[in-house]
PDB file of all heavy atoms in Angstrom:
ATOM      1  N   GLY A   1     -41.984 -35.441  30.329  1.00  0.00           N
ATOM      2  CA  GLY A   1     -41.209 -35.387  29.079  1.00  0.00           C
ATOM      3  C   GLY A   1     -40.178 -34.254  29.129  1.00  0.00           C
ATOM      4  O   GLY A   1     -39.542 -34.078  30.128  1.00  0.00           O
ATOM      5  N   ALA A   2     -40.077 -33.465  28.037  1.00  0.00           N
ATOM      6  CA  ALA A   2     -39.152 -32.355  27.961  1.00  0.00           C
ATOM      7  C   ALA A   2     -39.458 -31.352  29.061  1.00  0.00           C
ATOM      8  O   ALA A   2     -38.573 -30.653  29.540  1.00  0.00           O
ATOM      9  CB  ALA A   2     -39.167 -31.734  26.584  1.00  0.00           C
ATOM     10  N   LYS A   3     -40.710 -31.210  29.455  1.00  0.00           N
ATOM     11  CA  LYS A   3     -41.080 -30.217  30.512  1.00  0.00           C
ATOM     12  C   LYS A   3     -40.483 -30.595  31.885  1.00  0.00           C
ATOM     13  O   LYS A   3     -40.448 -29.721  32.758  1.00  0.00           O
ATOM     14  CB  LYS A   3     -42.600 -30.080  30.628  1.00  0.00           C
ATOM     15  CG  LYS A   3     -43.242 -29.252  29.580  1.00  0.00           C
ATOM     16  CD  LYS A   3     -44.768 -29.158  29.821  1.00  0.00           C
ATOM     17  CE  LYS A   3     -45.085 -28.425  31.118  1.00  0.00           C
ATOM     18  NZ  LYS A   3     -46.523 -28.463  31.434  1.00  0.00           N
ATOM     19  N   SER A   4     -40.145 -31.798  32.070  1.00  0.00           N
ATOM     20  CA  SER A   4     -39.596 -32.217  33.358  1.00  0.00           C
ATOM     21  C   SER A   4     -38.244 -31.587  33.655  1.00  0.00           C
ATOM     22  O   SER A   4     -37.722 -31.663  34.782  1.00  0.00           O
ATOM     23  CB  SER A   4     -39.485 -33.719  33.490  1.00  0.00           C
ATOM     24  OG  SER A   4     -38.558 -34.319  32.516  1.00  0.00           O
ATOM     25  N   SER A   5     -37.618 -30.869  32.674  1.00  0.00           N
ATOM     26  CA  SER A   5     -36.404 -30.156  32.915  1.00  0.00           C
ATOM     27  C   SER A   5     -36.695 -28.812  33.529  1.00  0.00           C
ATOM     28  O   SER A   5     -35.752 -28.043  33.827  1.00  0.00           O
ATOM     29  CB  SER A   5     -35.607 -29.980  31.600  1.00  0.00           C
ATOM     30  OG  SER A   5     -36.274 -29.061  30.745  1.00  0.00           O
ATOM     31  N   LEU A   6     -37.970 -28.449  33.706  1.00  0.00           N
ATOM     32  CA  LEU A   6     -38.355 -27.177  34.340  1.00  0.00           C
ATOM     33  C   LEU A   6     -38.558 -27.368  35.821  1.00  0.00           C
ATOM     34  O   LEU A   6     -39.549 -28.040  36.184  1.00  0.00           O
ATOM     35  CB  LEU A   6     -39.622 -26.620  33.726  1.00  0.00           C
ATOM     36  CG  LEU A   6     -39.641 -26.424  32.212  1.00  0.00           C
ATOM     37  CD1 LEU A   6     -41.053 -26.031  31.714  1.00  0.00           C
ATOM     38  CD2 LEU A   6     -38.626 -25.432  31.753  1.00  0.00           C
ATOM     39  N   PRO A   7     -37.632 -26.954  36.707  1.00  0.00           N
ATOM     40  CA  PRO A   7     -37.699 -27.279  38.144  1.00  0.00           C
ATOM     41  C   PRO A   7     -39.031 -26.887  38.749  1.00  0.00           C
ATOM     42  O   PRO A   7     -39.567 -27.547  39.561  1.00  0.00           O
ATOM     43  CB  PRO A   7     -36.536 -26.475  38.742  1.00  0.00           C
ATOM     44  CG  PRO A   7     -35.539 -26.352  37.606  1.00  0.00           C
ATOM     45  CD  PRO A   7     -36.386 -26.225  36.366  1.00  0.00           C
ATOM     46  N   HIS A   8     -39.584 -25.710  38.335  1.00  0.00           N
ATOM     47  CA  HIS A   8     -40.884 -25.278  38.876  1.00  0.00           C
ATOM     48  C   HIS A   8     -41.892 -25.136  37.706  1.00  0.00           C
ATOM     49  O   HIS A   8     -42.652 -24.174  37.665  1.00  0.00           O
ATOM     50  CB  HIS A   8     -40.720 -23.981  39.656  1.00  0.00           C
ATOM     51  CG  HIS A   8     -40.310 -24.220  41.054  1.00  0.00           C
ATOM     52  ND1 HIS A   8     -40.355 -23.193  42.018  1.00  0.00           N
ATOM     53  CD2 HIS A   8     -39.845 -25.300  41.691  1.00  0.00           C
ATOM     54  CE1 HIS A   8     -39.930 -23.671  43.131  1.00  0.00           C
ATOM     55  NE2 HIS A   8     -39.623 -24.930  43.013  1.00  0.00           N
ATOM     56  N   GLY A   9     -41.912 -26.117  36.853  1.00  0.00           N
ATOM     57  CA  GLY A   9     -42.844 -26.117  35.750  1.00  0.00           C
ATOM     58  C   GLY A   9     -44.300 -26.232  36.247  1.00  0.00           C
ATOM     59  O   GLY A   9     -44.554 -26.702  37.346  1.00  0.00           O
ATOM     60  N   VAL A  10     -45.254 -25.777  35.390  1.00  0.00           N
ATOM     61  CA  VAL A  10     -46.667 -25.723  35.755  1.00  0.00           C
ATOM     62  C   VAL A  10     -47.393 -26.820  34.995  1.00  0.00           C
ATOM     63  O   VAL A  10     -47.259 -26.907  33.745  1.00  0.00           O
ATOM     64  CB  VAL A  10     -47.277 -24.390  35.455  1.00  0.00           C
ATOM     65  CG1 VAL A  10     -48.706 -24.353  35.747  1.00  0.00           C
ATOM     66  CG2 VAL A  10     -46.504 -23.268  36.246  1.00  0.00           C
ATOM     67  N   PRO A  11     -48.135 -27.680  35.633  1.00  0.00           N
ATOM     68  CA  PRO A  11     -48.902 -28.717  34.966  1.00  0.00           C
ATOM     69  C   PRO A  11     -49.920 -28.134  34.013  1.00  0.00           C
ATOM     70  O   PRO A  11     -50.553 -27.125  34.342  1.00  0.00           O
ATOM     71  CB  PRO A  11     -49.515 -29.547  36.069  1.00  0.00           C
ATOM     72  CG  PRO A  11     -49.548 -28.627  37.245  1.00  0.00           C
ATOM     73  CD  PRO A  11     -48.390 -27.737  37.147  1.00  0.00           C
ATOM     74  N   ASP A  12     -50.092 -28.728  32.817  1.00  0.00           N
ATOM     75  CA  ASP A  12     -51.109 -28.283  31.879  1.00  0.00           C
ATOM     76  C   ASP A  12     -51.760 -29.532  31.272  1.00  0.00           C
ATOM     77  O   ASP A  12     -51.723 -30.623  31.850  1.00  0.00           O
ATOM     78  CB  ASP A  12     -50.518 -27.343  30.873  1.00  0.00           C
ATOM     79  CG  ASP A  12     -49.394 -27.955  30.050  1.00  0.00           C
ATOM     80  OD1 ASP A  12     -49.331 -29.197  29.940  1.00  0.00           O
ATOM     81  OD2 ASP A  12     -48.557 -27.156  29.485  1.00  0.00           O
ATOM     82  N   ASP A  13     -52.357 -29.391  30.107  1.00  0.00           N
ATOM     83  CA  ASP A  13     -53.080 -30.434  29.450  1.00  0.00           C
ATOM     84  C   ASP A  13     -52.189 -31.338  28.594  1.00  0.00           C
ATOM     85  O   ASP A  13     -52.696 -32.189  27.837  1.00  0.00           O
ATOM     86  CB  ASP A  13     -54.217 -29.893  28.626  1.00  0.00           C
ATOM     87  CG  ASP A  13     -55.287 -29.204  29.446  1.00  0.00           C
ATOM     88  OD1 ASP A  13     -55.577 -29.769  30.564  1.00  0.00           O
ATOM     89  OD2 ASP A  13     -55.854 -28.169  29.065  1.00  0.00           O
ATOM     90  N   LYS A  14     -50.907 -31.235  28.767  1.00  0.00           N
ATOM     91  CA  LYS A  14     -49.931 -32.082  28.043  1.00  0.00           C
ATOM     92  C   LYS A  14     -50.225 -33.555  28.470  1.00  0.00           C
ATOM     93  O   LYS A  14     -50.157 -33.910  29.658  1.00  0.00           O
ATOM     94  CB  LYS A  14     -48.503 -31.738  28.360  1.00  0.00           C
ATOM     95  CG  LYS A  14     -47.529 -32.686  27.707  1.00  0.00           C
ATOM     96  CD  LYS A  14     -46.121 -32.463  28.215  1.00  0.00           C
ATOM     97  CE  LYS A  14     -45.152 -33.479  27.626  1.00  0.00           C
ATOM     98  NZ  LYS A  14     -45.506 -34.868  27.929  1.00  0.00           N
ATOM     99  N   PRO A  15     -50.469 -34.473  27.529  1.00  0.00           N
ATOM    100  CA  PRO A  15     -50.616 -35.882  27.850  1.00  0.00           C
ATOM    101  C   PRO A  15     -49.291 -36.577  28.107  1.00  0.00           C
ATOM    102  O   PRO A  15     -48.305 -36.210  27.432  1.00  0.00           O
ATOM    103  CB  PRO A  15     -51.369 -36.496  26.699  1.00  0.00           C
ATOM    104  CG  PRO A  15     -50.974 -35.655  25.562  1.00  0.00           C
ATOM    105  CD  PRO A  15     -50.741 -34.285  26.061  1.00  0.00           C
ATOM    106  N   LEU A  16     -49.217 -37.463  29.014  1.00  0.00           N
ATOM    107  CA  LEU A  16     -48.019 -38.264  29.243  1.00  0.00           C
ATOM    108  C   LEU A  16     -47.779 -39.191  27.992  1.00  0.00           C
ATOM    109  O   LEU A  16     -48.754 -39.694  27.389  1.00  0.00           O
ATOM    110  CB  LEU A  16     -48.134 -39.148  30.481  1.00  0.00           C
ATOM    111  CG  LEU A  16     -47.790 -38.497  31.812  1.00  0.00           C
ATOM    112  CD1 LEU A  16     -48.548 -37.197  32.028  1.00  0.00           C
ATOM    113  CD2 LEU A  16     -48.023 -39.481  32.974  1.00  0.00           C
ATOM    114  N   GLU A  17     -46.513 -39.412  27.681  1.00  0.00           N
ATOM    115  CA  GLU A  17     -46.167 -40.337  26.582  1.00  0.00           C
ATOM    116  C   GLU A  17     -45.227 -41.410  27.052  1.00  0.00           C
ATOM    117  O   GLU A  17     -44.496 -41.199  28.036  1.00  0.00           O
ATOM    118  CB  GLU A  17     -45.485 -39.508  25.452  1.00  0.00           C
ATOM    119  CG  GLU A  17     -46.394 -38.399  24.856  1.00  0.00           C
ATOM    120  CD  GLU A  17     -45.649 -37.637  23.797  1.00  0.00           C
ATOM    121  OE1 GLU A  17     -44.695 -38.176  23.145  1.00  0.00           O
ATOM    122  OE2 GLU A  17     -45.926 -36.433  23.591  1.00  0.00           O
ATOM    123  N   ALA A  18     -45.244 -42.570  26.414  1.00  0.00           N
ATOM    124  CA  ALA A  18     -44.357 -43.621  26.755  1.00  0.00           C
ATOM    125  C   ALA A  18     -42.908 -43.141  26.625  1.00  0.00           C
ATOM    126  O   ALA A  18     -42.562 -42.444  25.643  1.00  0.00           O
ATOM    127  CB  ALA A  18     -44.601 -44.811  25.827  1.00  0.00           C
ATOM    128  N   GLY A  19     -42.096 -43.392  27.602  1.00  0.00           N
ATOM    129  CA  GLY A  19     -40.708 -42.960  27.584  1.00  0.00           C
ATOM    130  C   GLY A  19     -40.471 -41.674  28.342  1.00  0.00           C
ATOM    131  O   GLY A  19     -39.308 -41.222  28.448  1.00  0.00           O
ATOM    132  N   ASP A  20     -41.598 -41.020  28.828  1.00  0.00           N
ATOM    133  CA  ASP A  20     -41.387 -39.783  29.605  1.00  0.00           C
ATOM    134  C   ASP A  20     -40.937 -40.073  30.998  1.00  0.00           C
ATOM    135  O   ASP A  20     -41.235 -41.102  31.594  1.00  0.00           O
ATOM    136  CB  ASP A  20     -42.765 -39.068  29.737  1.00  0.00           C
ATOM    137  CG  ASP A  20     -43.163 -38.254  28.495  1.00  0.00           C
ATOM    138  OD1 ASP A  20     -42.344 -38.137  27.565  1.00  0.00           O
ATOM    139  OD2 ASP A  20     -44.323 -37.775  28.521  1.00  0.00           O
ATOM    140  N   PHE A  21     -40.210 -39.091  31.560  1.00  0.00           N
ATOM    141  CA  PHE A  21     -40.071 -38.977  33.042  1.00  0.00           C
ATOM    142  C   PHE A  21     -41.228 -38.030  33.441  1.00  0.00           C
ATOM    143  O   PHE A  21     -41.476 -37.049  32.798  1.00  0.00           O
ATOM    144  CB  PHE A  21     -38.743 -38.363  33.371  1.00  0.00           C
ATOM    145  CG  PHE A  21     -37.683 -39.330  33.850  1.00  0.00           C
ATOM    146  CD1 PHE A  21     -36.332 -39.073  33.664  1.00  0.00           C
ATOM    147  CD2 PHE A  21     -38.059 -40.542  34.467  1.00  0.00           C
ATOM    148  CE1 PHE A  21     -35.344 -39.976  34.092  1.00  0.00           C
ATOM    149  CE2 PHE A  21     -37.097 -41.416  34.883  1.00  0.00           C
ATOM    150  CZ  PHE A  21     -35.749 -41.177  34.687  1.00  0.00           C
ATOM    151  N   VAL A  22     -41.758 -38.351  34.610  1.00  0.00           N
ATOM    152  CA  VAL A  22     -42.751 -37.494  35.212  1.00  0.00           C
ATOM    153  C   VAL A  22     -42.193 -37.033  36.584  1.00  0.00           C
ATOM    154  O   VAL A  22     -41.897 -37.924  37.468  1.00  0.00           O
ATOM    155  CB  VAL A  22     -44.083 -38.162  35.480  1.00  0.00           C
ATOM    156  CG1 VAL A  22     -45.103 -37.205  36.051  1.00  0.00           C
ATOM    157  CG2 VAL A  22     -44.652 -38.740  34.158  1.00  0.00           C
ATOM    158  N   VAL A  23     -42.029 -35.747  36.780  1.00  0.00           N
ATOM    159  CA  VAL A  23     -41.532 -35.170  38.065  1.00  0.00           C
ATOM    160  C   VAL A  23     -42.746 -34.637  38.854  1.00  0.00           C
ATOM    161  O   VAL A  23     -43.491 -33.787  38.304  1.00  0.00           O
ATOM    162  CB  VAL A  23     -40.549 -34.068  37.882  1.00  0.00           C
ATOM    163  CG1 VAL A  23     -40.089 -33.489  39.195  1.00  0.00           C
ATOM    164  CG2 VAL A  23     -39.272 -34.654  37.124  1.00  0.00           C
ATOM    165  N   MET A  24     -42.972 -35.119  40.054  1.00  0.00           N
ATOM    166  CA  MET A  24     -44.083 -34.693  40.836  1.00  0.00           C
ATOM    167  C   MET A  24     -43.558 -34.177  42.182  1.00  0.00           C
ATOM    168  O   MET A  24     -42.915 -34.899  42.928  1.00  0.00           O
ATOM    169  CB  MET A  24     -45.032 -35.893  41.121  1.00  0.00           C
ATOM    170  CG  MET A  24     -45.713 -36.450  39.908  1.00  0.00           C
ATOM    171  SD  MET A  24     -46.614 -38.004  40.238  1.00  0.00           S
ATOM    172  CE  MET A  24     -45.251 -39.173  40.491  1.00  0.00           C
ATOM    173  N   ASP A  25     -43.804 -32.881  42.421  1.00  0.00           N
ATOM    174  CA  ASP A  25     -43.385 -32.176  43.645  1.00  0.00           C
ATOM    175  C   ASP A  25     -44.649 -31.663  44.318  1.00  0.00           C
ATOM    176  O   ASP A  25     -45.337 -30.868  43.757  1.00  0.00           O
ATOM    177  CB  ASP A  25     -42.428 -31.050  43.269  1.00  0.00           C
ATOM    178  CG  ASP A  25     -41.735 -30.372  44.426  1.00  0.00           C
ATOM    179  OD1 ASP A  25     -42.191 -30.518  45.572  1.00  0.00           O
ATOM    180  OD2 ASP A  25     -40.763 -29.612  44.224  1.00  0.00           O
ATOM    181  N   PHE A  26     -44.873 -32.089  45.550  1.00  0.00           N
ATOM    182  CA  PHE A  26     -46.125 -31.767  46.178  1.00  0.00           C
ATOM    183  C   PHE A  26     -46.064 -31.934  47.712  1.00  0.00           C
ATOM    184  O   PHE A  26     -45.073 -32.457  48.229  1.00  0.00           O
ATOM    185  CB  PHE A  26     -47.237 -32.688  45.619  1.00  0.00           C
ATOM    186  CG  PHE A  26     -46.918 -34.141  45.793  1.00  0.00           C
ATOM    187  CD1 PHE A  26     -47.493 -34.893  46.836  1.00  0.00           C
ATOM    188  CD2 PHE A  26     -46.087 -34.819  44.856  1.00  0.00           C
ATOM    189  CE1 PHE A  26     -47.150 -36.206  46.989  1.00  0.00           C
ATOM    190  CE2 PHE A  26     -45.787 -36.143  45.026  1.00  0.00           C
ATOM    191  CZ  PHE A  26     -46.326 -36.855  46.065  1.00  0.00           C
ATOM    192  N   GLY A  27     -47.086 -31.495  48.395  1.00  0.00           N
ATOM    193  CA  GLY A  27     -47.197 -31.666  49.844  1.00  0.00           C
ATOM    194  C   GLY A  27     -48.409 -31.041  50.335  1.00  0.00           C
ATOM    195  O   GLY A  27     -49.151 -30.329  49.676  1.00  0.00           O
ATOM    196  N   CYS A  28     -48.767 -31.247  51.625  1.00  0.00           N
ATOM    197  CA  CYS A  28     -49.954 -30.699  52.257  1.00  0.00           C
ATOM    198  C   CYS A  28     -49.611 -30.308  53.678  1.00  0.00           C
ATOM    199  O   CYS A  28     -48.461 -30.409  54.087  1.00  0.00           O
ATOM    200  CB  CYS A  28     -51.112 -31.684  52.224  1.00  0.00           C
ATOM    201  SG  CYS A  28     -50.736 -33.226  53.248  1.00  0.00           S
ATOM    202  N   THR A  29     -50.609 -29.755  54.384  1.00  0.00           N
ATOM    203  CA  THR A  29     -50.344 -29.326  55.724  1.00  0.00           C
ATOM    204  C   THR A  29     -51.189 -30.096  56.755  1.00  0.00           C
ATOM    205  O   THR A  29     -52.295 -30.536  56.461  1.00  0.00           O
ATOM    206  CB  THR A  29     -50.593 -27.807  55.943  1.00  0.00           C
ATOM    207  OG1 THR A  29     -51.973 -27.554  55.809  1.00  0.00           O
ATOM    208  CG2 THR A  29     -49.847 -27.003  54.876  1.00  0.00           C
ATOM    209  N   ARG A  30     -50.637 -30.220  57.969  1.00  0.00           N
ATOM    210  CA  ARG A  30     -51.371 -30.694  59.161  1.00  0.00           C
ATOM    211  C   ARG A  30     -50.977 -29.830  60.333  1.00  0.00           C
ATOM    212  O   ARG A  30     -49.785 -29.570  60.508  1.00  0.00           O
ATOM    213  CB  ARG A  30     -51.066 -32.132  59.458  1.00  0.00           C
ATOM    214  CG  ARG A  30     -51.765 -33.126  58.529  1.00  0.00           C
ATOM    215  CD  ARG A  30     -53.204 -33.225  58.780  1.00  0.00           C
ATOM    216  NE  ARG A  30     -53.510 -33.985  60.005  1.00  0.00           N
ATOM    217  CZ  ARG A  30     -54.728 -34.220  60.515  1.00  0.00           C
ATOM    218  NH1 ARG A  30     -55.776 -33.777  59.818  1.00  0.00           N
ATOM    219  NH2 ARG A  30     -54.894 -34.834  61.604  1.00  0.00           N
ATOM    220  N   GLY A  31     -51.969 -29.353  61.038  1.00  0.00           N
ATOM    221  CA  GLY A  31     -51.639 -28.407  62.156  1.00  0.00           C
ATOM    222  C   GLY A  31     -50.956 -27.139  61.686  1.00  0.00           C
ATOM    223  O   GLY A  31     -50.270 -26.442  62.462  1.00  0.00           O
ATOM    224  N   GLY A  32     -51.105 -26.839  60.365  1.00  0.00           N
ATOM    225  CA  GLY A  32     -50.477 -25.656  59.765  1.00  0.00           C
ATOM    226  C   GLY A  32     -49.099 -25.953  59.258  1.00  0.00           C
ATOM    227  O   GLY A  32     -48.535 -25.155  58.566  1.00  0.00           O
ATOM    228  N   TYR A  33     -48.512 -27.099  59.513  1.00  0.00           N
ATOM    229  CA  TYR A  33     -47.132 -27.437  59.121  1.00  0.00           C
ATOM    230  C   TYR A  33     -47.062 -28.262  57.833  1.00  0.00           C
ATOM    231  O   TYR A  33     -47.946 -29.090  57.583  1.00  0.00           O
ATOM    232  CB  TYR A  33     -46.427 -28.193  60.244  1.00  0.00           C
ATOM    233  CG  TYR A  33     -46.128 -27.288  61.425  1.00  0.00           C
ATOM    234  CD1 TYR A  33     -47.084 -26.918  62.354  1.00  0.00           C
ATOM    235  CD2 TYR A  33     -44.851 -26.712  61.515  1.00  0.00           C
ATOM    236  CE1 TYR A  33     -46.783 -26.074  63.392  1.00  0.00           C
ATOM    237  CE2 TYR A  33     -44.565 -25.847  62.612  1.00  0.00           C
ATOM    238  CZ  TYR A  33     -45.532 -25.483  63.523  1.00  0.00           C
ATOM    239  OH  TYR A  33     -45.261 -24.610  64.504  1.00  0.00           O
ATOM    240  N   CYS A  34     -46.101 -27.953  57.018  1.00  0.00           N
ATOM    241  CA  CYS A  34     -45.986 -28.430  55.640  1.00  0.00           C
ATOM    242  C   CYS A  34     -45.243 -29.736  55.535  1.00  0.00           C
ATOM    243  O   CYS A  34     -44.343 -30.050  56.292  1.00  0.00           O
ATOM    244  CB  CYS A  34     -45.332 -27.412  54.762  1.00  0.00           C
ATOM    245  SG  CYS A  34     -46.085 -25.780  54.659  1.00  0.00           S
ATOM    246  N   SER A  35     -45.650 -30.469  54.519  1.00  0.00           N
ATOM    247  CA  SER A  35     -44.765 -31.530  53.965  1.00  0.00           C
ATOM    248  C   SER A  35     -44.355 -31.163  52.577  1.00  0.00           C
ATOM    249  O   SER A  35     -44.938 -30.270  51.960  1.00  0.00           O
ATOM    250  CB  SER A  35     -45.543 -32.889  53.930  1.00  0.00           C
ATOM    251  OG  SER A  35     -46.658 -32.811  53.076  1.00  0.00           O
ATOM    252  N   ASP A  36     -43.288 -31.817  52.135  1.00  0.00           N
ATOM    253  CA  ASP A  36     -42.778 -31.469  50.822  1.00  0.00           C
ATOM    254  C   ASP A  36     -41.958 -32.648  50.312  1.00  0.00           C
ATOM    255  O   ASP A  36     -41.081 -33.181  50.993  1.00  0.00           O
ATOM    256  CB  ASP A  36     -41.795 -30.223  50.983  1.00  0.00           C
ATOM    257  CG  ASP A  36     -41.361 -29.683  49.632  1.00  0.00           C
ATOM    258  OD1 ASP A  36     -41.872 -30.073  48.597  1.00  0.00           O
ATOM    259  OD2 ASP A  36     -40.529 -28.694  49.648  1.00  0.00           O
ATOM    260  N   MET A  37     -42.336 -33.151  49.173  1.00  0.00           N
ATOM    261  CA  MET A  37     -41.616 -34.335  48.582  1.00  0.00           C
ATOM    262  C   MET A  37     -41.622 -34.214  47.068  1.00  0.00           C
ATOM    263  O   MET A  37     -42.537 -33.611  46.475  1.00  0.00           O
ATOM    264  CB  MET A  37     -42.258 -35.642  49.057  1.00  0.00           C
ATOM    265  CG  MET A  37     -43.641 -35.885  48.496  1.00  0.00           C
ATOM    266  SD  MET A  37     -44.361 -37.474  49.046  1.00  0.00           S
ATOM    267  CE  MET A  37     -43.164 -38.651  48.342  1.00  0.00           C
ATOM    268  N   THR A  38     -40.669 -34.892  46.438  1.00  0.00           N
ATOM    269  CA  THR A  38     -40.600 -35.006  45.010  1.00  0.00           C
ATOM    270  C   THR A  38     -40.243 -36.459  44.642  1.00  0.00           C
ATOM    271  O   THR A  38     -39.331 -36.961  45.227  1.00  0.00           O
ATOM    272  CB  THR A  38     -39.615 -34.010  44.371  1.00  0.00           C
ATOM    273  OG1 THR A  38     -39.828 -32.735  44.761  1.00  0.00           O
ATOM    274  CG2 THR A  38     -39.714 -34.114  42.832  1.00  0.00           C
ATOM    275  N   ARG A  39     -40.986 -36.963  43.673  1.00  0.00           N
ATOM    276  CA  ARG A  39     -40.619 -38.250  43.101  1.00  0.00           C
ATOM    277  C   ARG A  39     -40.641 -38.153  41.589  1.00  0.00           C
ATOM    278  O   ARG A  39     -41.502 -37.467  41.011  1.00  0.00           O
ATOM    279  CB  ARG A  39     -41.571 -39.368  43.578  1.00  0.00           C
ATOM    280  CG  ARG A  39     -41.399 -39.759  45.050  1.00  0.00           C
ATOM    281  CD  ARG A  39     -40.024 -40.380  45.236  1.00  0.00           C
ATOM    282  NE  ARG A  39     -39.755 -40.748  46.624  1.00  0.00           N
ATOM    283  CZ  ARG A  39     -39.206 -40.083  47.604  1.00  0.00           C
ATOM    284  NH1 ARG A  39     -38.817 -38.837  47.285  1.00  0.00           N
ATOM    285  NH2 ARG A  39     -39.010 -40.581  48.774  1.00  0.00           N
ATOM    286  N   THR A  40     -39.699 -38.820  40.962  1.00  0.00           N
ATOM    287  CA  THR A  40     -39.634 -38.898  39.485  1.00  0.00           C
ATOM    288  C   THR A  40     -39.852 -40.353  39.066  1.00  0.00           C
ATOM    289  O   THR A  40     -39.111 -41.206  39.525  1.00  0.00           O
ATOM    290  CB  THR A  40     -38.257 -38.386  38.999  1.00  0.00           C
ATOM    291  OG1 THR A  40     -38.065 -37.023  39.440  1.00  0.00           O
ATOM    292  CG2 THR A  40     -38.167 -38.464  37.524  1.00  0.00           C
ATOM    293  N   VAL A  41     -40.802 -40.545  38.170  1.00  0.00           N
ATOM    294  CA  VAL A  41     -41.057 -41.891  37.700  1.00  0.00           C
ATOM    295  C   VAL A  41     -41.076 -41.942  36.146  1.00  0.00           C
ATOM    296  O   VAL A  41     -41.255 -40.864  35.515  1.00  0.00           O
ATOM    297  CB  VAL A  41     -42.428 -42.416  38.239  1.00  0.00           C
ATOM    298  CG1 VAL A  41     -42.410 -42.427  39.773  1.00  0.00           C
ATOM    299  CG2 VAL A  41     -43.540 -41.621  37.722  1.00  0.00           C
ATOM    300  N   ALA A  42     -40.867 -43.095  35.603  1.00  0.00           N
ATOM    301  CA  ALA A  42     -40.880 -43.248  34.162  1.00  0.00           C
ATOM    302  C   ALA A  42     -42.226 -43.801  33.703  1.00  0.00           C
ATOM    303  O   ALA A  42     -42.920 -44.598  34.389  1.00  0.00           O
ATOM    304  CB  ALA A  42     -39.782 -44.185  33.708  1.00  0.00           C
ATOM    305  N   VAL A  43     -42.631 -43.404  32.496  1.00  0.00           N
ATOM    306  CA  VAL A  43     -43.871 -43.885  31.910  1.00  0.00           C
ATOM    307  C   VAL A  43     -43.535 -45.022  30.897  1.00  0.00           C
ATOM    308  O   VAL A  43     -42.828 -44.765  29.913  1.00  0.00           O
ATOM    309  CB  VAL A  43     -44.624 -42.772  31.178  1.00  0.00           C
ATOM    310  CG1 VAL A  43     -45.938 -43.283  30.583  1.00  0.00           C
ATOM    311  CG2 VAL A  43     -44.920 -41.638  32.116  1.00  0.00           C
ATOM    312  N   SER A  44     -43.989 -46.173  31.219  1.00  0.00           N
ATOM    313  CA  SER A  44     -43.826 -47.404  30.349  1.00  0.00           C
ATOM    314  C   SER A  44     -42.403 -47.952  30.201  1.00  0.00           C
ATOM    315  O   SER A  44     -42.190 -49.147  30.334  1.00  0.00           O
ATOM    316  CB  SER A  44     -44.388 -47.130  28.931  1.00  0.00           C
ATOM    317  OG  SER A  44     -45.732 -46.769  28.919  1.00  0.00           O
TER     318      SER A  44
END
């Protein structure tokens, strides 16, 4: 929702609402090396 305008926003207990954008930025490591990706999807 409106929080998706925060480039490094912190997830909290805000529930998703129909018409929201959801920005997900995440990654993990293998052999110590990182991955990094972001996808933005719409709710409903």
